[in-house]
Amino acid sequence: MRRAFIGILAMVCGLFTGQAARACGPEVVIQFIDSSPDLFIIENRSLEAWTLLSLEFRAEHSAGRVVFDTDFGGAGAAEPQQFEIVDGEVGLMRAPLVADGAEELTLHFANFEAGRKFIFTIDLDDRLPMSDMGQAYVTGEEIAGAEVTGLFTHPKIGDGKARGSFGTDGKAHLRGATCA
């Protein structure tokens, strides 16, 4: 009886202390840094062969009602900046044309493979009448809630989507659950 109890106890403990499940599926982290000009850093942190095909930013639900400021005299507060690549060979298919005051931005990639990083600049301003640091400076709290959707492909699985939204730390985490 005692031997059976110890065997069952060992089995149960093994269930709780066994190896952790490995992470899988697509994973992308996007970091926004308010600067002059503002920076977006996109990292494909997928542990498997997930290639990022496109990213769609939608700022309409952001806490600060943020918009892209791409032209003087428009919707933004100051120092407009058009989309410009800073770093990363990920096969951006074409630079997006972003209208002044736009709340959306879509990027299409040819080879944004796991382990790669892409950095671009564009000005982002908030539209809060009583913004803590002025409308030209966007904090993590103000970009929070902006949504991002990524479309991925995997050689064995096919296409998949991952969604995320920016937190108050200025980062958006996109994770999918499909494993190879």
Protein backbone atom coordinates (compact mmCIF):
# COMPACT_ATOMS: atom_id res chain seq x y z
CA MET A 1 0.00 0.00 0.00
CA ARG A 2 2.75 2.38 0.97
CA ARG A 3 4.68 1.56 -2.23
CA ALA A 4 1.55 2.31 -4.34
CA PHE A 5 1.06 5.63 -2.54
CA ILE A 6 4.68 6.64 -3.16
CA GLY A 7 4.34 5.67 -6.83
CA ILE A 8 1.19 7.76 -7.24
CA LEU A 9 2.79 10.66 -5.36
CA ALA A 10 5.85 10.49 -7.62
CA MET A 11 3.60 10.51 -10.70
CA VAL A 12 1.62 13.53 -9.47
CA CYS A 13 4.79 15.42 -8.53
CA GLY A 14 6.21 14.64 -11.95
CA LEU A 15 3.21 16.32 -13.54
CA PHE A 16 3.84 19.50 -11.62
CA THR A 17 7.63 19.58 -11.75
CA GLY A 18 8.15 18.30 -15.28
CA GLN A 19 9.76 20.36 -17.98
CA ALA A 20 7.96 23.55 -18.91
CA ALA A 21 6.26 23.60 -22.27
CA ARG A 22 8.43 25.20 -24.91
CA ALA A 23 7.37 28.49 -26.43
CA CYS A 24 6.15 28.25 -29.97
CA GLY A 25 4.19 30.11 -32.58
CA PRO A 26 4.91 33.55 -33.97
CA GLU A 27 6.14 36.26 -31.62
CA VAL A 28 6.86 39.90 -32.43
CA VAL A 29 7.67 42.73 -30.04
CA ILE A 30 7.21 46.35 -31.12
CA GLN A 31 8.68 49.14 -29.04
CA PHE A 32 7.75 52.81 -29.43
CA ILE A 33 10.29 55.39 -28.28
CA ASP A 34 9.39 59.07 -28.33
CA SER A 35 12.40 60.83 -29.73
CA SER A 36 13.18 63.39 -32.37
CA PRO A 37 12.13 61.70 -34.61
CA ASP A 38 10.03 59.00 -32.93
CA LEU A 39 11.25 55.41 -33.28
CA PHE A 40 9.48 52.10 -33.78
CA ILE A 41 11.60 48.98 -33.22
CA ILE A 42 10.07 45.74 -34.49
CA GLU A 43 11.67 42.40 -33.52
CA ASN A 44 10.61 39.00 -34.83
CA ARG A 45 11.33 36.91 -31.71
CA SER A 46 9.69 33.73 -33.01
CA LEU A 47 11.57 30.61 -31.91
CA GLU A 48 10.47 28.72 -35.01
CA ALA A 49 10.58 29.59 -38.73
CA TRP A 50 7.79 32.17 -38.66
CA THR A 51 8.21 34.95 -41.23
CA LEU A 52 6.35 38.21 -40.67
CA LEU A 53 4.47 39.18 -43.86
CA SER A 54 2.67 42.32 -42.71
CA LEU A 55 1.94 44.55 -39.73
CA GLU A 56 -1.07 46.79 -39.36
CA PHE A 57 -1.03 49.56 -36.72
CA ARG A 58 -4.39 50.99 -35.63
CA ALA A 59 -4.21 53.87 -33.16
CA GLU A 60 -7.92 54.70 -32.94
CA HIS A 61 -8.24 53.05 -29.50
CA SER A 62 -5.09 54.58 -28.00
CA ALA A 63 -5.54 56.41 -24.70
CA GLY A 64 -3.96 59.58 -26.11
CA ARG A 65 -5.86 59.45 -29.43
CA VAL A 66 -2.47 59.43 -31.19
CA VAL A 67 -2.04 60.28 -34.88
CA PHE A 68 0.82 60.24 -37.35
CA ASP A 69 2.17 63.77 -37.86
CA THR A 70 3.68 63.76 -41.35
CA ASP A 71 3.20 67.35 -42.58
CA PHE A 72 3.51 70.91 -41.26
CA GLY A 73 0.29 72.68 -40.33
CA GLY A 74 -1.80 69.54 -40.07
CA ALA A 75 -3.14 67.36 -37.30
CA GLY A 76 0.10 67.09 -35.33
CA ALA A 77 1.66 69.44 -32.82
CA ALA A 78 5.19 70.04 -34.12
CA GLU A 79 8.19 68.53 -35.92
CA PRO A 80 6.41 66.35 -38.50
CA GLN A 81 8.31 63.36 -39.88
CA GLN A 82 7.43 61.11 -42.80
CA PHE A 83 8.08 57.36 -42.61
CA GLU A 84 11.81 56.64 -42.92
CA ILE A 85 13.76 53.39 -42.57
CA VAL A 86 16.55 53.50 -39.98
CA ASP A 87 17.81 49.90 -39.97
CA GLY A 88 16.90 46.36 -40.91
CA GLU A 89 17.07 44.29 -44.08
CA VAL A 90 13.68 42.59 -43.86
CA GLY A 91 12.42 43.12 -47.38
CA LEU A 92 10.07 46.06 -46.83
CA MET A 93 8.09 45.88 -50.06
CA ARG A 94 7.49 49.63 -50.26
CA ALA A 95 7.53 52.55 -47.88
CA PRO A 96 3.96 53.36 -46.83
CA LEU A 97 2.44 56.70 -47.74
CA VAL A 98 1.03 57.94 -44.45
CA ALA A 99 -1.37 60.88 -44.59
CA ASP A 100 -1.02 63.62 -42.00
CA GLY A 101 -3.39 62.84 -39.12
CA ALA A 102 -3.73 59.17 -40.07
CA GLU A 103 -4.46 56.61 -37.36
CA GLU A 104 -3.37 53.59 -39.42
CA LEU A 105 -0.11 52.36 -40.90
CA THR A 106 0.45 49.09 -42.77
CA LEU A 107 3.82 47.54 -43.60
CA HIS A 108 4.39 44.60 -46.00
CA PHE A 109 7.57 42.50 -45.86
CA ALA A 110 9.20 39.93 -48.13
CA ASN A 111 11.65 38.29 -45.70
CA PHE A 112 11.17 39.44 -42.10
CA GLU A 113 12.38 36.15 -40.66
CA ALA A 114 12.75 35.08 -37.04
CA GLY A 115 15.67 36.79 -35.32
CA ARG A 116 15.55 39.93 -37.46
CA LYS A 117 14.85 43.51 -36.43
CA PHE A 118 13.43 46.51 -38.32
CA ILE A 119 13.58 50.13 -37.14
CA PHE A 120 11.79 53.10 -38.64
CA THR A 121 10.96 56.68 -37.73
CA ILE A 122 7.74 58.64 -38.12
CA ASP A 123 6.28 61.37 -35.93
CA LEU A 124 3.45 60.43 -33.60
CA ASP A 125 1.53 63.05 -31.60
CA ASP A 126 -1.34 62.81 -29.13
CA ARG A 127 -4.56 64.81 -29.34
CA LEU A 128 -5.29 65.26 -25.66
CA PRO A 129 -6.27 68.85 -24.81
CA MET A 130 -4.44 68.66 -21.46
CA SER A 131 -1.55 66.34 -22.33
CA ASP A 132 0.94 65.91 -19.47
CA MET A 133 4.01 66.65 -21.58
CA GLY A 134 2.43 68.44 -24.54
CA GLN A 135 0.97 66.89 -27.66
CA ALA A 136 4.33 66.58 -29.42
CA TYR A 137 5.57 64.10 -26.79
CA VAL A 138 3.83 60.70 -26.64
CA THR A 139 4.21 58.67 -23.45
CA GLY A 140 3.63 54.96 -22.96
CA GLU A 141 0.34 55.79 -21.26
CA GLU A 142 -0.81 57.72 -24.35
CA ILE A 143 0.05 55.04 -26.94
CA ALA A 144 -1.48 52.35 -24.69
CA GLY A 145 -4.41 50.67 -26.38
CA ALA A 146 -3.17 51.15 -29.96
CA GLU A 147 -3.63 47.81 -31.70
CA VAL A 148 -1.29 45.85 -33.96
CA THR A 149 -2.09 42.83 -36.13
CA GLY A 150 0.61 40.70 -37.74
CA LEU A 151 0.24 38.21 -40.58
CA PHE A 152 2.83 35.41 -40.53
CA THR A 153 3.75 32.38 -42.59
CA HIS A 154 5.48 29.15 -41.62
CA PRO A 155 6.87 26.62 -44.15
CA LYS A 156 5.12 23.65 -42.48
CA ILE A 157 1.99 25.25 -41.03
CA GLY A 158 1.00 28.00 -43.45
CA ASP A 159 -0.34 31.43 -42.59
CA GLY A 160 -1.42 32.69 -39.20
CA LYS A 161 -2.28 35.93 -37.40
CA ALA A 162 -1.23 37.39 -34.08
CA ARG A 163 -2.68 40.45 -32.39
CA GLY A 164 -1.56 42.68 -29.60
CA SER A 165 -1.89 46.18 -28.25
CA PHE A 166 0.54 48.66 -26.79
CA GLY A 167 0.86 48.74 -23.02
CA THR A 168 1.82 51.66 -20.83
CA ASP A 169 5.47 50.64 -21.27
CA GLY A 170 5.30 51.60 -24.96
CA LYS A 171 5.54 47.98 -26.12
CA ALA A 172 3.18 45.72 -28.03
CA HIS A 173 3.57 41.92 -27.83
CA LEU A 174 2.10 39.82 -30.61
CA ARG A 175 1.95 36.10 -29.91
CA GLY A 176 0.34 33.22 -31.73
CA ALA A 177 -0.33 29.73 -30.43
CA THR A 178 0.28 27.58 -33.50
CA CYS A 179 3.28 25.24 -33.17
CA ALA A 180 5.17 23.25 -35.77
